[in-house]
Amino acid sequence: MGIREEVYYEGGPHIGDLFINLLIGLTLIGIPLTVGAIVRALWLRYRITNRRISVTGGWMGRDRTDIIYAEIVKIVKVPRGFGLWGDMVLTLRNGSRLEMRSVPKFRELYDYISEKAAEKNPQVKTKATT
């Protein structure tokens, strides 16, 4: 019998990221951005629970990263797409960073992650850029 986790959010990147990058892809310069958005839409998945954050991504969804809230020392969010979605960067104790791109409901998720990380590690720094 395992430890139960309550899922707060489970899903992929915001669909608006794909639409905007498809429009940008009509130009020759925007093609790499479009390919990146398509790969994110197909294979990137976020799972945020009361115990950890799991990010599955990469080519064909083969890479998985799991972090626990006690490892987070700094959280930064940046709104994108007219504030409909955003990016978050979680800095861990060992200095590595986890980038979460095109996160839907990023404000609510930022508040939830900040709250959980502060419970486990009181020195967590949070920063929001406008």
N, C-alpha and C. Protein backbone atom coordinates (compact mmCIF):
# COMPACT_ATOMS: atom_id res chain seq x y z
N MET A 1 0.85 -1.17 0.00
CA MET A 1 0.00 0.00 0.00
C MET A 1 0.90 1.24 0.00
N GLY A 2 0.72 2.11 -0.97
CA GLY A 2 1.54 3.30 -1.10
C GLY A 2 0.95 4.49 -0.37
N ILE A 3 1.70 5.54 -0.37
CA ILE A 3 1.24 6.79 0.23
C ILE A 3 0.30 7.48 -0.75
N ARG A 4 -0.82 7.92 -0.26
CA ARG A 4 -1.81 8.57 -1.12
C ARG A 4 -1.38 10.01 -1.44
N GLU A 5 -1.59 10.37 -2.68
CA GLU A 5 -1.32 11.73 -3.13
C GLU A 5 -2.63 12.33 -3.65
N GLU A 6 -2.87 13.57 -3.29
CA GLU A 6 -4.02 14.29 -3.82
C GLU A 6 -3.55 15.13 -5.00
N VAL A 7 -4.10 14.89 -6.15
CA VAL A 7 -3.71 15.61 -7.36
C VAL A 7 -4.39 16.97 -7.36
N TYR A 8 -3.57 18.03 -7.46
CA TYR A 8 -4.10 19.38 -7.53
C TYR A 8 -4.29 19.79 -8.99
N TYR A 9 -3.32 19.45 -9.84
CA TYR A 9 -3.42 19.74 -11.27
C TYR A 9 -2.75 18.63 -12.06
N GLU A 10 -3.38 18.23 -13.14
CA GLU A 10 -2.79 17.27 -14.05
C GLU A 10 -3.21 17.65 -15.45
N GLY A 11 -2.24 17.86 -16.33
CA GLY A 11 -2.57 18.23 -17.70
C GLY A 11 -1.36 18.71 -18.46
N GLY A 12 -1.60 19.16 -19.65
CA GLY A 12 -0.54 19.62 -20.53
C GLY A 12 -0.43 21.13 -20.56
N PRO A 13 0.35 21.63 -21.51
CA PRO A 13 0.50 23.08 -21.63
C PRO A 13 -0.77 23.73 -22.16
N HIS A 14 -0.84 25.04 -22.00
CA HIS A 14 -2.01 25.80 -22.42
C HIS A 14 -2.14 25.73 -23.94
N ILE A 15 -3.34 25.54 -24.43
CA ILE A 15 -3.60 25.41 -25.87
C ILE A 15 -3.32 26.71 -26.62
N GLY A 16 -3.42 27.84 -25.95
CA GLY A 16 -3.14 29.13 -26.58
C GLY A 16 -1.70 29.25 -27.04
N ASP A 17 -0.78 28.62 -26.32
CA ASP A 17 0.62 28.61 -26.72
C ASP A 17 0.77 27.98 -28.09
N LEU A 18 0.08 26.88 -28.32
CA LEU A 18 0.14 26.20 -29.62
C LEU A 18 -0.45 27.07 -30.71
N PHE A 19 -1.61 27.68 -30.47
CA PHE A 19 -2.25 28.50 -31.50
C PHE A 19 -1.40 29.70 -31.90
N ILE A 20 -0.86 30.39 -30.92
CA ILE A 20 -0.03 31.56 -31.24
C ILE A 20 1.23 31.15 -32.00
N ASN A 21 1.85 30.05 -31.58
CA ASN A 21 3.05 29.61 -32.28
C ASN A 21 2.74 29.06 -33.67
N LEU A 22 1.57 28.51 -33.89
CA LEU A 22 1.18 28.12 -35.24
C LEU A 22 1.04 29.33 -36.14
N LEU A 23 0.50 30.43 -35.61
CA LEU A 23 0.42 31.67 -36.39
C LEU A 23 1.80 32.23 -36.68
N ILE A 24 2.68 32.19 -35.69
CA ILE A 24 4.05 32.68 -35.88
C ILE A 24 4.77 31.80 -36.90
N GLY A 25 4.40 30.52 -36.95
CA GLY A 25 5.04 29.58 -37.87
C GLY A 25 4.78 29.87 -39.33
N LEU A 26 3.84 30.75 -39.63
CA LEU A 26 3.60 31.13 -41.01
C LEU A 26 4.78 31.90 -41.59
N THR A 27 5.61 32.43 -40.74
CA THR A 27 6.83 33.10 -41.19
C THR A 27 7.97 32.09 -41.14
N LEU A 28 8.98 32.27 -41.92
CA LEU A 28 10.13 31.36 -41.96
C LEU A 28 10.88 31.37 -40.63
N ILE A 29 10.98 32.53 -40.00
CA ILE A 29 11.70 32.64 -38.74
C ILE A 29 10.98 31.93 -37.61
N GLY A 30 9.66 31.84 -37.67
CA GLY A 30 8.88 31.26 -36.59
C GLY A 30 8.74 29.74 -36.62
N ILE A 31 9.31 29.08 -37.62
CA ILE A 31 9.16 27.63 -37.74
C ILE A 31 9.74 26.89 -36.53
N PRO A 32 10.93 27.21 -36.03
CA PRO A 32 11.43 26.49 -34.85
C PRO A 32 10.54 26.66 -33.61
N LEU A 33 9.96 27.84 -33.44
CA LEU A 33 9.03 28.06 -32.32
C LEU A 33 7.79 27.20 -32.47
N THR A 34 7.33 27.05 -33.68
CA THR A 34 6.14 26.23 -33.94
C THR A 34 6.42 24.76 -33.66
N VAL A 35 7.58 24.29 -34.08
CA VAL A 35 7.94 22.89 -33.83
C VAL A 35 8.02 22.64 -32.32
N GLY A 36 8.63 23.57 -31.59
CA GLY A 36 8.70 23.44 -30.13
C GLY A 36 7.33 23.41 -29.48
N ALA A 37 6.42 24.24 -29.96
CA ALA A 37 5.06 24.27 -29.40
C ALA A 37 4.31 22.99 -29.71
N ILE A 38 4.51 22.43 -30.90
CA ILE A 38 3.85 21.18 -31.25
C ILE A 38 4.36 20.04 -30.38
N VAL A 39 5.68 19.99 -30.17
CA VAL A 39 6.26 18.95 -29.30
C VAL A 39 5.73 19.09 -27.88
N ARG A 40 5.66 20.33 -27.38
CA ARG A 40 5.11 20.54 -26.04
C ARG A 40 3.66 20.09 -25.96
N ALA A 41 2.87 20.43 -26.96
CA ALA A 41 1.45 20.08 -26.94
C ALA A 41 1.24 18.57 -26.99
N LEU A 42 2.09 17.87 -27.71
CA LEU A 42 1.93 16.42 -27.84
C LEU A 42 2.42 15.65 -26.62
N TRP A 43 3.58 16.03 -26.06
CA TRP A 43 4.23 15.16 -25.09
C TRP A 43 4.52 15.74 -23.73
N LEU A 44 4.26 17.01 -23.50
CA LEU A 44 4.54 17.61 -22.19
C LEU A 44 3.32 17.47 -21.28
N ARG A 45 3.53 16.95 -20.10
CA ARG A 45 2.46 16.81 -19.11
C ARG A 45 2.97 17.20 -17.74
N TYR A 46 2.13 17.94 -17.01
CA TYR A 46 2.43 18.34 -15.64
C TYR A 46 1.51 17.59 -14.70
N ARG A 47 2.06 17.21 -13.55
CA ARG A 47 1.24 16.60 -12.49
C ARG A 47 1.71 17.20 -11.17
N ILE A 48 0.84 17.96 -10.55
CA ILE A 48 1.16 18.63 -9.30
C ILE A 48 0.26 18.05 -8.23
N THR A 49 0.89 17.46 -7.22
CA THR A 49 0.15 16.83 -6.13
C THR A 49 0.51 17.51 -4.82
N ASN A 50 -0.04 17.01 -3.73
CA ASN A 50 0.29 17.59 -2.42
C ASN A 50 1.66 17.13 -1.93
N ARG A 51 2.32 16.20 -2.62
CA ARG A 51 3.63 15.69 -2.21
C ARG A 51 4.77 16.06 -3.15
N ARG A 52 4.47 16.22 -4.46
CA ARG A 52 5.54 16.44 -5.42
C ARG A 52 5.03 17.07 -6.70
N ILE A 53 5.99 17.44 -7.56
CA ILE A 53 5.71 17.96 -8.88
C ILE A 53 6.38 17.02 -9.87
N SER A 54 5.62 16.52 -10.83
CA SER A 54 6.15 15.63 -11.86
C SER A 54 5.97 16.30 -13.21
N VAL A 55 7.04 16.32 -14.00
CA VAL A 55 6.98 16.86 -15.35
C VAL A 55 7.45 15.76 -16.29
N THR A 56 6.59 15.38 -17.21
CA THR A 56 6.93 14.39 -18.22
C THR A 56 7.00 15.11 -19.55
N GLY A 57 8.11 14.95 -20.26
CA GLY A 57 8.27 15.66 -21.52
C GLY A 57 9.37 15.06 -22.36
N GLY A 58 9.95 15.89 -23.21
CA GLY A 58 10.98 15.42 -24.11
C GLY A 58 10.38 14.76 -25.34
N TRP A 59 11.23 14.26 -26.20
CA TRP A 59 10.77 13.62 -27.42
C TRP A 59 10.01 12.36 -27.08
N MET A 60 8.79 12.25 -27.54
CA MET A 60 7.90 11.12 -27.29
C MET A 60 7.55 10.95 -25.81
N GLY A 61 7.76 11.99 -24.99
CA GLY A 61 7.41 11.95 -23.57
C GLY A 61 8.24 10.98 -22.76
N ARG A 62 9.51 10.80 -23.13
CA ARG A 62 10.37 9.81 -22.48
C ARG A 62 11.10 10.32 -21.24
N ASP A 63 11.13 11.62 -21.03
CA ASP A 63 11.84 12.18 -19.87
C ASP A 63 10.84 12.51 -18.77
N ARG A 64 11.22 12.16 -17.56
CA ARG A 64 10.36 12.48 -16.42
C ARG A 64 11.21 13.04 -15.30
N THR A 65 10.70 14.13 -14.71
CA THR A 65 11.37 14.77 -13.58
C THR A 65 10.38 14.86 -12.43
N ASP A 66 10.81 14.38 -11.27
CA ASP A 66 10.00 14.47 -10.05
C ASP A 66 10.78 15.26 -9.02
N ILE A 67 10.14 16.23 -8.41
CA ILE A 67 10.77 16.96 -7.32
C ILE A 67 9.78 17.05 -6.16
N ILE A 68 10.35 17.08 -4.96
CA ILE A 68 9.51 17.25 -3.77
C ILE A 68 9.62 18.71 -3.32
N TYR A 69 8.64 19.15 -2.59
CA TYR A 69 8.58 20.57 -2.21
C TYR A 69 9.73 20.98 -1.30
N ALA A 70 10.27 20.07 -0.52
CA ALA A 70 11.36 20.41 0.39
C ALA A 70 12.63 20.80 -0.36
N GLU A 71 12.76 20.40 -1.63
CA GLU A 71 13.95 20.73 -2.42
C GLU A 71 13.91 22.11 -3.05
N ILE A 72 12.74 22.74 -3.07
CA ILE A 72 12.58 24.03 -3.74
C ILE A 72 13.06 25.15 -2.83
N VAL A 73 13.94 26.02 -3.38
CA VAL A 73 14.42 27.18 -2.61
C VAL A 73 13.97 28.51 -3.21
N LYS A 74 13.57 28.51 -4.49
CA LYS A 74 13.15 29.75 -5.13
C LYS A 74 12.16 29.43 -6.24
N ILE A 75 11.15 30.28 -6.37
CA ILE A 75 10.13 30.11 -7.41
C ILE A 75 9.95 31.46 -8.11
N VAL A 76 10.00 31.42 -9.43
CA VAL A 76 9.78 32.63 -10.23
C VAL A 76 8.72 32.31 -11.28
N LYS A 77 7.77 33.24 -11.45
CA LYS A 77 6.76 33.07 -12.50
C LYS A 77 6.80 34.26 -13.45
N VAL A 78 6.47 33.98 -14.72
CA VAL A 78 6.44 35.01 -15.74
C VAL A 78 5.18 34.80 -16.57
N PRO A 79 4.29 35.80 -16.63
CA PRO A 79 3.08 35.64 -17.45
C PRO A 79 3.41 35.67 -18.95
N ARG A 80 2.68 34.91 -19.71
CA ARG A 80 2.81 34.87 -21.17
C ARG A 80 1.41 34.90 -21.76
N GLY A 81 1.33 35.11 -23.04
CA GLY A 81 0.03 35.04 -23.74
C GLY A 81 -1.03 35.94 -23.15
N PHE A 82 -0.70 37.20 -22.97
CA PHE A 82 -1.63 38.19 -22.42
C PHE A 82 -2.10 37.81 -21.02
N GLY A 83 -1.28 37.07 -20.29
CA GLY A 83 -1.60 36.68 -18.93
C GLY A 83 -2.48 35.45 -18.81
N LEU A 84 -2.79 34.80 -19.92
CA LEU A 84 -3.64 33.61 -19.87
C LEU A 84 -2.88 32.37 -19.42
N TRP A 85 -1.59 32.32 -19.70
CA TRP A 85 -0.74 31.23 -19.23
C TRP A 85 0.61 31.82 -18.86
N GLY A 86 1.48 31.02 -18.30
CA GLY A 86 2.77 31.55 -17.87
C GLY A 86 3.83 30.48 -17.75
N ASP A 87 5.03 30.94 -17.48
CA ASP A 87 6.17 30.06 -17.26
C ASP A 87 6.58 30.16 -15.80
N MET A 88 7.08 29.06 -15.25
CA MET A 88 7.59 29.05 -13.89
C MET A 88 8.97 28.39 -13.90
N VAL A 89 9.84 28.91 -13.06
CA VAL A 89 11.16 28.31 -12.87
C VAL A 89 11.30 28.01 -11.38
N LEU A 90 11.54 26.74 -11.08
CA LEU A 90 11.75 26.30 -9.71
C LEU A 90 13.23 26.02 -9.53
N THR A 91 13.87 26.74 -8.61
CA THR A 91 15.28 26.52 -8.32
C THR A 91 15.37 25.57 -7.12
N LEU A 92 16.20 24.55 -7.27
CA LEU A 92 16.32 23.53 -6.24
C LEU A 92 17.55 23.76 -5.37
N ARG A 93 17.65 23.04 -4.27
CA ARG A 93 18.76 23.20 -3.32
C ARG A 93 20.12 23.01 -3.97
N ASN A 94 20.24 22.07 -4.90
CA ASN A 94 21.53 21.79 -5.52
C ASN A 94 21.87 22.77 -6.63
N GLY A 95 21.03 23.78 -6.84
CA GLY A 95 21.30 24.80 -7.83
C GLY A 95 20.68 24.54 -9.19
N SER A 96 20.17 23.36 -9.41
CA SER A 96 19.53 23.07 -10.70
C SER A 96 18.17 23.74 -10.76
N ARG A 97 17.67 23.88 -11.98
CA ARG A 97 16.40 24.56 -12.20
C ARG A 97 15.47 23.68 -13.00
N LEU A 98 14.20 23.76 -12.66
CA LEU A 98 13.16 23.09 -13.42
C LEU A 98 12.30 24.16 -14.06
N GLU A 99 12.29 24.20 -15.39
CA GLU A 99 11.49 25.18 -16.12
C GLU A 99 10.19 24.54 -16.52
N MET A 100 9.11 25.21 -16.21
CA MET A 100 7.78 24.75 -16.58
C MET A 100 7.21 25.80 -17.54
N ARG A 101 7.06 25.44 -18.79
CA ARG A 101 6.62 26.39 -19.82
C ARG A 101 5.15 26.21 -20.16
N SER A 102 4.53 27.32 -20.49
CA SER A 102 3.13 27.35 -20.93
C SER A 102 2.19 26.69 -19.94
N VAL A 103 2.34 27.04 -18.68
CA VAL A 103 1.53 26.44 -17.62
C VAL A 103 0.17 27.13 -17.57
N PRO A 104 -0.92 26.38 -17.77
CA PRO A 104 -2.24 26.99 -17.60
C PRO A 104 -2.53 27.22 -16.12
N LYS A 105 -3.37 28.17 -15.82
CA LYS A 105 -3.71 28.52 -14.43
C LYS A 105 -2.45 28.71 -13.60
N PHE A 106 -1.45 29.38 -14.17
CA PHE A 106 -0.14 29.48 -13.51
C PHE A 106 -0.19 30.29 -12.23
N ARG A 107 -1.09 31.23 -12.12
CA ARG A 107 -1.18 32.01 -10.87
C ARG A 107 -1.64 31.13 -9.71
N GLU A 108 -2.67 30.33 -9.94
CA GLU A 108 -3.16 29.43 -8.89
C GLU A 108 -2.11 28.37 -8.57
N LEU A 109 -1.46 27.84 -9.59
CA LEU A 109 -0.44 26.82 -9.37
C LEU A 109 0.77 27.41 -8.64
N TYR A 110 1.13 28.65 -8.97
CA TYR A 110 2.23 29.33 -8.30
C TYR A 110 1.92 29.48 -6.81
N ASP A 111 0.69 29.91 -6.50
CA ASP A 111 0.30 30.07 -5.09
C ASP A 111 0.32 28.73 -4.36
N TYR A 112 -0.17 27.69 -5.01
CA TYR A 112 -0.21 26.36 -4.40
C TYR A 112 1.20 25.83 -4.15
N ILE A 113 2.07 25.94 -5.17
CA ILE A 113 3.44 25.45 -5.02
C ILE A 113 4.18 26.26 -3.97
N SER A 114 3.99 27.58 -3.95
CA SER A 114 4.64 28.43 -2.95
C SER A 114 4.21 28.04 -1.54
N GLU A 115 2.93 27.79 -1.37
CA GLU A 115 2.41 27.40 -0.06
C GLU A 115 3.00 26.06 0.40
N LYS A 116 3.00 25.09 -0.48
CA LYS A 116 3.53 23.76 -0.14
C LYS A 116 5.04 23.81 0.11
N ALA A 117 5.76 24.57 -0.69
CA ALA A 117 7.21 24.68 -0.52
C ALA A 117 7.55 25.41 0.78
N ALA A 118 6.77 26.43 1.13
CA ALA A 118 7.02 27.17 2.38
C ALA A 118 6.75 26.30 3.60
N GLU A 119 5.80 25.38 3.50
CA GLU A 119 5.56 24.45 4.62
C GLU A 119 6.76 23.57 4.87
N LYS A 120 7.41 23.12 3.81
CA LYS A 120 8.54 22.19 3.92
C LYS A 120 9.87 22.90 4.11
N ASN A 121 9.99 24.11 3.57
CA ASN A 121 11.24 24.85 3.60
C ASN A 121 10.94 26.33 3.83
N PRO A 122 11.05 26.83 5.06
CA PRO A 122 10.64 28.21 5.35
C PRO A 122 11.45 29.30 4.64
N GLN A 123 12.61 28.96 4.09
CA GLN A 123 13.44 29.97 3.43
C GLN A 123 13.13 30.13 1.94
N VAL A 124 12.01 29.62 1.47
CA VAL A 124 11.67 29.69 0.06
C VAL A 124 11.47 31.15 -0.35
N LYS A 125 12.10 31.52 -1.47
CA LYS A 125 11.94 32.86 -2.03
C LYS A 125 11.00 32.77 -3.21
N THR A 126 10.05 33.68 -3.25
CA THR A 126 9.12 33.71 -4.37
C THR A 126 9.25 35.05 -5.06
N LYS A 127 9.12 35.01 -6.37
CA LYS A 127 9.25 36.24 -7.14
C LYS A 127 8.32 36.15 -8.34
N ALA A 128 7.59 37.20 -8.54
CA ALA A 128 6.70 37.28 -9.71
C ALA A 128 7.13 38.46 -10.54
N THR A 129 7.31 38.24 -11.82
CA THR A 129 7.61 39.35 -12.72
C THR A 129 6.35 39.69 -13.47
N THR A 130 6.18 40.95 -13.75
CA THR A 130 4.93 41.38 -14.39
C THR A 130 5.05 41.49 -15.87
